[in-house]
Amino acid sequence: ADPTKRVGTYVPAEDWNKLISEPDVVVVDVRNDYEVAIGSFAGAINPNTASFTQFKDFVGERLKPKRDTRIAMFCTGGIRCEKASAYLLAHGIEEVYHLKGGILTYLEVVPEEASLWQGACFVFDERVGVSHGLAVSDHILCRACRRPLSSEDCAHGDYIEGAQCAYCRDDRTAAQKESAAERHRQVAIAESRGKTHIGCEAEVARRDAGASASGEKVSRRG
């Protein structure tokens, strides 16, 4: 699959609702599970992938499209969809569409009252999530596992700020949790002194690298 040679058909945000409302169109969210968790289009299939490299397994094991299956896919900024649509086309699927400019463009140009989007869109910067008009949502990041958390997640008994959340509680050792908690204390001290903790700068670099690995551009708008 080579997206530099062939990709699916781009669909402008203004025409997206009509396409995904057609009964024979299979709508696929190309993003990873932690992104889908805070928002998606109504009725879209969640591939339940932890990384984009697992998308091909989802296609072969769960989606199993036929040659004449009409597929409409979307992602944050549209980049992953170019790779995913190239993959499907290379495997004989004849009609593959993807949202031009991704979810961010859709949320920016489609009025909320006409929108089929539900929830927030995860972004790879400190806004964490945005909604219609690119308004910042109330989600924060778990500093341990990088998963976006809602206010309900933060109210969960297993949530410890800077150390763990309910999703990663069982995946981390006591030493890792203690290290994360200490890091959180050091960040708070640095902020109280009006300084940037050196670990925060490294975190930005890691997040940007993660966005690149996922095939998305880091959005700085807003």
C-alpha atoms as a PDB file:
ATOM      1  CA  ALA A   1       0.000   0.000   0.000  1.00  0.00           C
ATOM      2  CA  ASP A   2       1.538   3.288  -1.115  1.00  0.00           C
ATOM      3  CA  PRO A   3      -0.436   6.475  -0.276  1.00  0.00           C
ATOM      4  CA  THR A   4       1.859   8.497  -2.532  1.00  0.00           C
ATOM      5  CA  LYS A   5       0.427   6.650  -5.541  1.00  0.00           C
ATOM      6  CA  ARG A   6      -3.213   5.997  -4.700  1.00  0.00           C
ATOM      7  CA  VAL A   7      -5.607   6.939  -1.906  1.00  0.00           C
ATOM      8  CA  GLY A   8      -9.348   6.919  -1.349  1.00  0.00           C
ATOM      9  CA  THR A   9     -11.792   9.601  -2.436  1.00  0.00           C
ATOM     10  CA  TYR A  10     -11.669  12.785  -0.364  1.00  0.00           C
ATOM     11  CA  VAL A  11     -15.040  13.908   0.988  1.00  0.00           C
ATOM     12  CA  PRO A  12     -15.387  17.551   2.113  1.00  0.00           C
ATOM     13  CA  ALA A  13     -16.692  18.077   5.636  1.00  0.00           C
ATOM     14  CA  GLU A  14     -19.833  19.675   4.241  1.00  0.00           C
ATOM     15  CA  ASP A  15     -20.729  16.447   2.385  1.00  0.00           C
ATOM     16  CA  TRP A  16     -19.695  13.971   5.086  1.00  0.00           C
ATOM     17  CA  ASN A  17     -23.081  13.687   6.836  1.00  0.00           C
ATOM     18  CA  LYS A  18     -24.818  12.685   3.630  1.00  0.00           C
ATOM     19  CA  LEU A  19     -22.265   9.979   2.859  1.00  0.00           C
ATOM     20  CA  ILE A  20     -22.187   8.305   6.271  1.00  0.00           C
ATOM     21  CA  SER A  21     -25.979   8.398   6.485  1.00  0.00           C
ATOM     22  CA  GLU A  22     -26.350   6.187   3.416  1.00  0.00           C
ATOM     23  CA  PRO A  23     -27.442   2.702   4.578  1.00  0.00           C
ATOM     24  CA  ASP A  24     -24.886   0.708   2.573  1.00  0.00           C
ATOM     25  CA  VAL A  25     -21.858   2.695   3.776  1.00  0.00           C
ATOM     26  CA  VAL A  26     -19.636   1.144   6.452  1.00  0.00           C
ATOM     27  CA  VAL A  27     -18.166   3.915   8.612  1.00  0.00           C
ATOM     28  CA  VAL A  28     -14.778   3.184  10.206  1.00  0.00           C
ATOM     29  CA  ASP A  29     -12.932   5.191  12.847  1.00  0.00           C
ATOM     30  CA  VAL A  30      -9.255   4.737  11.974  1.00  0.00           C
ATOM     31  CA  ARG A  31      -7.965   6.045  15.312  1.00  0.00           C
ATOM     32  CA  ASN A  32      -6.778   4.101  18.347  1.00  0.00           C
ATOM     33  CA  ASP A  33      -8.955   2.949  21.228  1.00  0.00           C
ATOM     34  CA  TYR A  34      -7.949   5.724  23.673  1.00  0.00           C
ATOM     35  CA  GLU A  35      -8.887   8.333  21.055  1.00  0.00           C
ATOM     36  CA  VAL A  36     -12.220   6.738  20.167  1.00  0.00           C
ATOM     37  CA  ALA A  37     -13.079   6.484  23.870  1.00  0.00           C
ATOM     38  CA  ILE A  38     -13.852  10.197  24.225  1.00  0.00           C
ATOM     39  CA  GLY A  39     -15.742  10.746  20.966  1.00  0.00           C
ATOM     40  CA  SER A  40     -16.612   9.491  17.488  1.00  0.00           C
ATOM     41  CA  PHE A  41     -19.271   9.665  14.790  1.00  0.00           C
ATOM     42  CA  ALA A  42     -22.519   7.930  15.625  1.00  0.00           C
ATOM     43  CA  GLY A  43     -22.541   4.346  14.387  1.00  0.00           C
ATOM     44  CA  ALA A  44     -18.850   4.240  13.436  1.00  0.00           C
ATOM     45  CA  ILE A  45     -16.901   1.010  13.895  1.00  0.00           C
ATOM     46  CA  ASN A  46     -14.170   1.139  16.537  1.00  0.00           C
ATOM     47  CA  PRO A  47     -11.192  -1.004  15.421  1.00  0.00           C
ATOM     48  CA  ASN A  48     -10.070  -1.298  19.075  1.00  0.00           C
ATOM     49  CA  THR A  49      -6.425  -0.826  18.139  1.00  0.00           C
ATOM     50  CA  ALA A  50      -3.718   0.228  20.563  1.00  0.00           C
ATOM     51  CA  SER A  51      -1.562   1.481  17.674  1.00  0.00           C
ATOM     52  CA  PHE A  52      -2.119   2.173  13.993  1.00  0.00           C
ATOM     53  CA  THR A  53       0.120  -0.754  13.029  1.00  0.00           C
ATOM     54  CA  GLN A  54      -2.713  -3.048  14.187  1.00  0.00           C
ATOM     55  CA  PHE A  55      -5.146  -1.622  11.630  1.00  0.00           C
ATOM     56  CA  LYS A  56      -4.270  -4.258   9.029  1.00  0.00           C
ATOM     57  CA  ASP A  57      -5.159  -6.975  11.557  1.00  0.00           C
ATOM     58  CA  PHE A  58      -8.515  -5.310  12.193  1.00  0.00           C
ATOM     59  CA  VAL A  59      -9.237  -5.298   8.447  1.00  0.00           C
ATOM     60  CA  GLY A  60      -8.376  -8.955   8.000  1.00  0.00           C
ATOM     61  CA  GLU A  61      -9.888 -10.341  11.195  1.00  0.00           C
ATOM     62  CA  ARG A  62     -12.914  -8.152  11.948  1.00  0.00           C
ATOM     63  CA  LEU A  63     -13.855  -5.859   9.071  1.00  0.00           C
ATOM     64  CA  LYS A  64     -13.366  -8.463   6.308  1.00  0.00           C
ATOM     65  CA  PRO A  65     -14.686  -6.150   3.563  1.00  0.00           C
ATOM     66  CA  LYS A  66     -15.884  -7.456   0.230  1.00  0.00           C
ATOM     67  CA  ARG A  67     -14.788  -5.927  -3.065  1.00  0.00           C
ATOM     68  CA  ASP A  68     -18.033  -3.945  -3.381  1.00  0.00           C
ATOM     69  CA  THR A  69     -18.180  -2.796   0.278  1.00  0.00           C
ATOM     70  CA  ARG A  70     -18.456   0.991   0.449  1.00  0.00           C
ATOM     71  CA  ILE A  71     -16.206   2.233   3.232  1.00  0.00           C
ATOM     72  CA  ALA A  72     -16.034   5.739   4.690  1.00  0.00           C
ATOM     73  CA  MET A  73     -13.207   6.322   7.159  1.00  0.00           C
ATOM     74  CA  PHE A  74     -12.050   9.232   9.281  1.00  0.00           C
ATOM     75  CA  CYS A  75      -9.249  10.193  11.660  1.00  0.00           C
ATOM     76  CA  THR A  76      -8.020  13.278  13.511  1.00  0.00           C
ATOM     77  CA  GLY A  77      -6.432  15.246  10.682  1.00  0.00           C
ATOM     78  CA  GLY A  78      -6.828  12.962   7.688  1.00  0.00           C
ATOM     79  CA  ILE A  79      -3.267  11.613   7.494  1.00  0.00           C
ATOM     80  CA  ARG A  80      -3.868   8.121   8.830  1.00  0.00           C
ATOM     81  CA  CYS A  81      -6.818   7.755   6.470  1.00  0.00           C
ATOM     82  CA  GLU A  82      -4.550   8.200   3.462  1.00  0.00           C
ATOM     83  CA  LYS A  83      -2.478   5.218   4.590  1.00  0.00           C
ATOM     84  CA  ALA A  84      -5.536   3.172   5.565  1.00  0.00           C
ATOM     85  CA  SER A  85      -7.395   3.885   2.329  1.00  0.00           C
ATOM     86  CA  ALA A  86      -4.304   2.983   0.282  1.00  0.00           C
ATOM     87  CA  TYR A  87      -4.173  -0.321   2.145  1.00  0.00           C
ATOM     88  CA  LEU A  88      -7.830  -1.138   1.411  1.00  0.00           C
ATOM     89  CA  LEU A  89      -7.528  -0.160  -2.245  1.00  0.00           C
ATOM     90  CA  ALA A  90      -4.439  -2.327  -2.588  1.00  0.00           C
ATOM     91  CA  HIS A  91      -6.521  -5.240  -1.314  1.00  0.00           C
ATOM     92  CA  GLY A  92      -9.224  -4.839  -3.924  1.00  0.00           C
ATOM     93  CA  ILE A  93     -11.851  -2.686  -2.202  1.00  0.00           C
ATOM     94  CA  GLU A  94     -13.313  -0.506  -4.932  1.00  0.00           C
ATOM     95  CA  GLU A  95     -15.055   2.331  -3.029  1.00  0.00           C
ATOM     96  CA  VAL A  96     -13.078   3.901  -0.207  1.00  0.00           C
ATOM     97  CA  TYR A  97     -13.811   7.407   1.061  1.00  0.00           C
ATOM     98  CA  HIS A  98     -12.220   9.503   3.765  1.00  0.00           C
ATOM     99  CA  LEU A  99     -13.050  12.773   5.496  1.00  0.00           C
ATOM    100  CA  LYS A 100     -10.957  15.570   3.998  1.00  0.00           C
ATOM    101  CA  GLY A 101      -9.088  17.410   6.721  1.00  0.00           C
ATOM    102  CA  GLY A 102     -10.231  14.904   9.301  1.00  0.00           C
ATOM    103  CA  ILE A 103     -12.359  15.407  12.387  1.00  0.00           C
ATOM    104  CA  LEU A 104     -10.708  18.738  13.207  1.00  0.00           C
ATOM    105  CA  THR A 105     -11.883  20.288   9.946  1.00  0.00           C
ATOM    106  CA  TYR A 106     -15.371  18.816  10.408  1.00  0.00           C
ATOM    107  CA  LEU A 107     -15.686  20.262  13.922  1.00  0.00           C
ATOM    108  CA  GLU A 108     -14.443  23.605  12.655  1.00  0.00           C
ATOM    109  CA  VAL A 109     -16.814  24.041   9.704  1.00  0.00           C
ATOM    110  CA  VAL A 110     -19.956  21.985  10.428  1.00  0.00           C
ATOM    111  CA  PRO A 111     -22.432  23.701  12.790  1.00  0.00           C
ATOM    112  CA  GLU A 112     -23.064  21.798  16.013  1.00  0.00           C
ATOM    113  CA  GLU A 113     -26.789  21.633  15.339  1.00  0.00           C
ATOM    114  CA  ALA A 114     -26.117  19.786  12.062  1.00  0.00           C
ATOM    115  CA  SER A 115     -23.280  17.634  13.371  1.00  0.00           C
ATOM    116  CA  LEU A 116     -23.252  13.845  13.648  1.00  0.00           C
ATOM    117  CA  TRP A 117     -20.195  13.931  15.885  1.00  0.00           C
ATOM    118  CA  GLN A 118     -20.582  12.801  19.493  1.00  0.00           C
ATOM    119  CA  GLY A 119     -18.183  13.707  22.307  1.00  0.00           C
ATOM    120  CA  ALA A 120     -14.713  15.229  21.972  1.00  0.00           C
ATOM    121  CA  CYS A 121     -11.810  14.701  19.582  1.00  0.00           C
ATOM    122  CA  PHE A 122      -8.477  13.750  21.133  1.00  0.00           C
ATOM    123  CA  VAL A 123      -5.587  15.980  20.050  1.00  0.00           C
ATOM    124  CA  PHE A 124      -1.856  15.545  20.612  1.00  0.00           C
ATOM    125  CA  ASP A 125      -1.279  18.675  22.658  1.00  0.00           C
ATOM    126  CA  GLU A 126      -2.200  20.075  26.063  1.00  0.00           C
ATOM    127  CA  ARG A 127      -5.792  20.773  25.044  1.00  0.00           C
ATOM    128  CA  VAL A 128      -6.259  16.967  25.149  1.00  0.00           C
ATOM    129  CA  GLY A 129      -9.693  17.145  23.520  1.00  0.00           C
ATOM    130  CA  VAL A 130     -11.724  19.589  21.417  1.00  0.00           C
ATOM    131  CA  SER A 131     -15.375  19.732  20.427  1.00  0.00           C
ATOM    132  CA  HIS A 132     -17.445  21.779  17.980  1.00  0.00           C
ATOM    133  CA  GLY A 133     -15.825  25.022  16.953  1.00  0.00           C
ATOM    134  CA  LEU A 134     -12.577  23.506  18.332  1.00  0.00           C
ATOM    135  CA  ALA A 135     -13.650  24.475  21.848  1.00  0.00           C
ATOM    136  CA  VAL A 136     -11.431  22.793  24.442  1.00  0.00           C
ATOM    137  CA  SER A 137     -13.115  19.932  26.311  1.00  0.00           C
ATOM    138  CA  ASP A 138     -12.729  19.222  30.024  1.00  0.00           C
ATOM    139  CA  HIS A 139     -10.522  16.163  29.501  1.00  0.00           C
ATOM    140  CA  ILE A 140      -7.065  15.859  31.036  1.00  0.00           C
ATOM    141  CA  LEU A 141      -4.253  13.365  30.458  1.00  0.00           C
ATOM    142  CA  CYS A 142      -3.316  10.588  32.829  1.00  0.00           C
ATOM    143  CA  ARG A 143       0.378  11.357  33.218  1.00  0.00           C
ATOM    144  CA  ALA A 144       1.108   7.669  33.695  1.00  0.00           C
ATOM    145  CA  CYS A 145      -0.525   6.063  30.647  1.00  0.00           C
ATOM    146  CA  ARG A 146      -1.297   9.148  28.494  1.00  0.00           C
ATOM    147  CA  ARG A 147      -4.975   8.246  28.233  1.00  0.00           C
ATOM    148  CA  PRO A 148      -7.510  11.122  28.066  1.00  0.00           C
ATOM    149  CA  LEU A 149      -9.659  11.249  31.191  1.00  0.00           C
ATOM    150  CA  SER A 150     -13.104  12.741  31.702  1.00  0.00           C
ATOM    151  CA  SER A 151     -14.264  14.388  34.924  1.00  0.00           C
ATOM    152  CA  GLU A 152     -15.935  11.078  35.803  1.00  0.00           C
ATOM    153  CA  ASP A 153     -12.632   9.241  35.301  1.00  0.00           C
ATOM    154  CA  CYS A 154     -10.905  11.719  37.607  1.00  0.00           C
ATOM    155  CA  ALA A 155     -13.576  11.151  40.258  1.00  0.00           C
ATOM    156  CA  HIS A 156     -12.952   7.397  40.193  1.00  0.00           C
ATOM    157  CA  GLY A 157     -11.478   5.935  43.367  1.00  0.00           C
ATOM    158  CA  ASP A 158      -8.499   4.499  41.496  1.00  0.00           C
ATOM    159  CA  TYR A 159      -7.396   7.844  40.102  1.00  0.00           C
ATOM    160  CA  ILE A 160      -4.283   9.312  41.706  1.00  0.00           C
ATOM    161  CA  GLU A 161      -3.222  12.553  40.073  1.00  0.00           C
ATOM    162  CA  GLY A 162       0.081  12.161  38.288  1.00  0.00           C
ATOM    163  CA  ALA A 163       0.467   8.491  39.226  1.00  0.00           C
ATOM    164  CA  GLN A 164      -2.346   6.318  37.842  1.00  0.00           C
ATOM    165  CA  CYS A 165      -5.925   6.082  36.599  1.00  0.00           C
ATOM    166  CA  ALA A 166      -8.489   3.289  36.594  1.00  0.00           C
ATOM    167  CA  TYR A 167      -7.313   2.195  33.145  1.00  0.00           C
ATOM    168  CA  CYS A 168      -3.644   1.721  34.017  1.00  0.00           C
ATOM    169  CA  ARG A 169      -3.889   0.865  37.725  1.00  0.00           C
ATOM    170  CA  ASP A 170      -3.112  -2.821  37.207  1.00  0.00           C
ATOM    171  CA  ASP A 171      -0.469  -2.268  34.522  1.00  0.00           C
ATOM    172  CA  ARG A 172       2.043  -0.408  36.669  1.00  0.00           C
ATOM    173  CA  THR A 173       4.334  -1.559  39.451  1.00  0.00           C
ATOM    174  CA  ALA A 174       4.488   0.078  42.869  1.00  0.00           C
ATOM    175  CA  ALA A 175       7.879   1.531  41.947  1.00  0.00           C
ATOM    176  CA  GLN A 176       6.489   3.049  38.734  1.00  0.00           C
ATOM    177  CA  LYS A 177       3.581   4.592  40.624  1.00  0.00           C
ATOM    178  CA  GLU A 178       5.905   6.019  43.270  1.00  0.00           C
ATOM    179  CA  SER A 179       8.176   7.450  40.577  1.00  0.00           C
ATOM    180  CA  ALA A 180       5.238   9.015  38.760  1.00  0.00           C
ATOM    181  CA  ALA A 181       3.890  10.532  41.982  1.00  0.00           C
ATOM    182  CA  GLU A 182       7.305  12.008  42.798  1.00  0.00           C
ATOM    183  CA  ARG A 183       7.580  13.438  39.298  1.00  0.00           C
ATOM    184  CA  HIS A 184       4.144  15.037  39.724  1.00  0.00           C
ATOM    185  CA  ARG A 185       5.281  16.652  42.989  1.00  0.00           C
ATOM    186  CA  GLN A 186       8.397  18.033  41.319  1.00  0.00           C
ATOM    187  CA  VAL A 187       6.355  19.474  38.437  1.00  0.00           C
ATOM    188  CA  ALA A 188       4.022  21.176  40.949  1.00  0.00           C
ATOM    189  CA  ILE A 189       7.005  22.664  42.789  1.00  0.00           C
ATOM    190  CA  ALA A 190       8.497  23.969  39.550  1.00  0.00           C
ATOM    191  CA  GLU A 191       5.183  25.531  38.520  1.00  0.00           C
ATOM    192  CA  SER A 192       4.800  27.220  41.925  1.00  0.00           C
ATOM    193  CA  ARG A 193       8.161  28.847  41.275  1.00  0.00           C
ATOM    194  CA  GLY A 194       7.164  29.958  37.795  1.00  0.00           C
ATOM    195  CA  LYS A 195       9.517  27.512  36.100  1.00  0.00           C
ATOM    196  CA  THR A 196       9.099  24.680  33.594  1.00  0.00           C
ATOM    197  CA  HIS A 197      10.057  21.254  34.879  1.00  0.00           C
ATOM    198  CA  ILE A 198      12.704  19.712  32.598  1.00  0.00           C
ATOM    199  CA  GLY A 199      10.617  16.535  32.385  1.00  0.00           C
ATOM    200  CA  CYS A 200       7.713  18.501  30.867  1.00  0.00           C
ATOM    201  CA  GLU A 201       9.892  19.545  27.933  1.00  0.00           C
ATOM    202  CA  ALA A 202      10.826  15.906  27.357  1.00  0.00           C
ATOM    203  CA  GLU A 203       7.148  14.986  27.605  1.00  0.00           C
ATOM    204  CA  VAL A 204       6.258  17.405  24.816  1.00  0.00           C
ATOM    205  CA  ALA A 205       8.907  15.801  22.622  1.00  0.00           C
ATOM    206  CA  ARG A 206       7.555  12.319  23.383  1.00  0.00           C
ATOM    207  CA  ARG A 207       3.993  13.406  22.650  1.00  0.00           C
ATOM    208  CA  ASP A 208       4.965  14.952  19.339  1.00  0.00           C
ATOM    209  CA  ALA A 209       6.857  11.777  18.459  1.00  0.00           C
ATOM    210  CA  GLY A 210       3.762   9.751  19.351  1.00  0.00           C
ATOM    211  CA  ALA A 211       1.606  11.889  17.097  1.00  0.00           C
ATOM    212  CA  SER A 212       4.059  11.387  14.258  1.00  0.00           C
ATOM    213  CA  ALA A 213       4.072   7.623  14.805  1.00  0.00           C
ATOM    214  CA  SER A 214       0.276   7.619  14.675  1.00  0.00           C
ATOM    215  CA  GLY A 215       0.404   9.419  11.335  1.00  0.00           C
ATOM    216  CA  GLU A 216      -1.115  12.659  12.602  1.00  0.00           C
ATOM    217  CA  LYS A 217       0.175  16.196  12.603  1.00  0.00           C
ATOM    218  CA  VAL A 218       0.203  17.836  16.029  1.00  0.00           C
ATOM    219  CA  SER A 219      -2.416  20.574  15.991  1.00  0.00           C
ATOM    220  CA  ARG A 220      -1.444  23.842  17.683  1.00  0.00           C
ATOM    221  CA  ARG A 221      -4.650  25.698  16.843  1.00  0.00           C
ATOM    222  CA  GLY A 222      -6.797  27.151  19.615  1.00  0.00           C
END
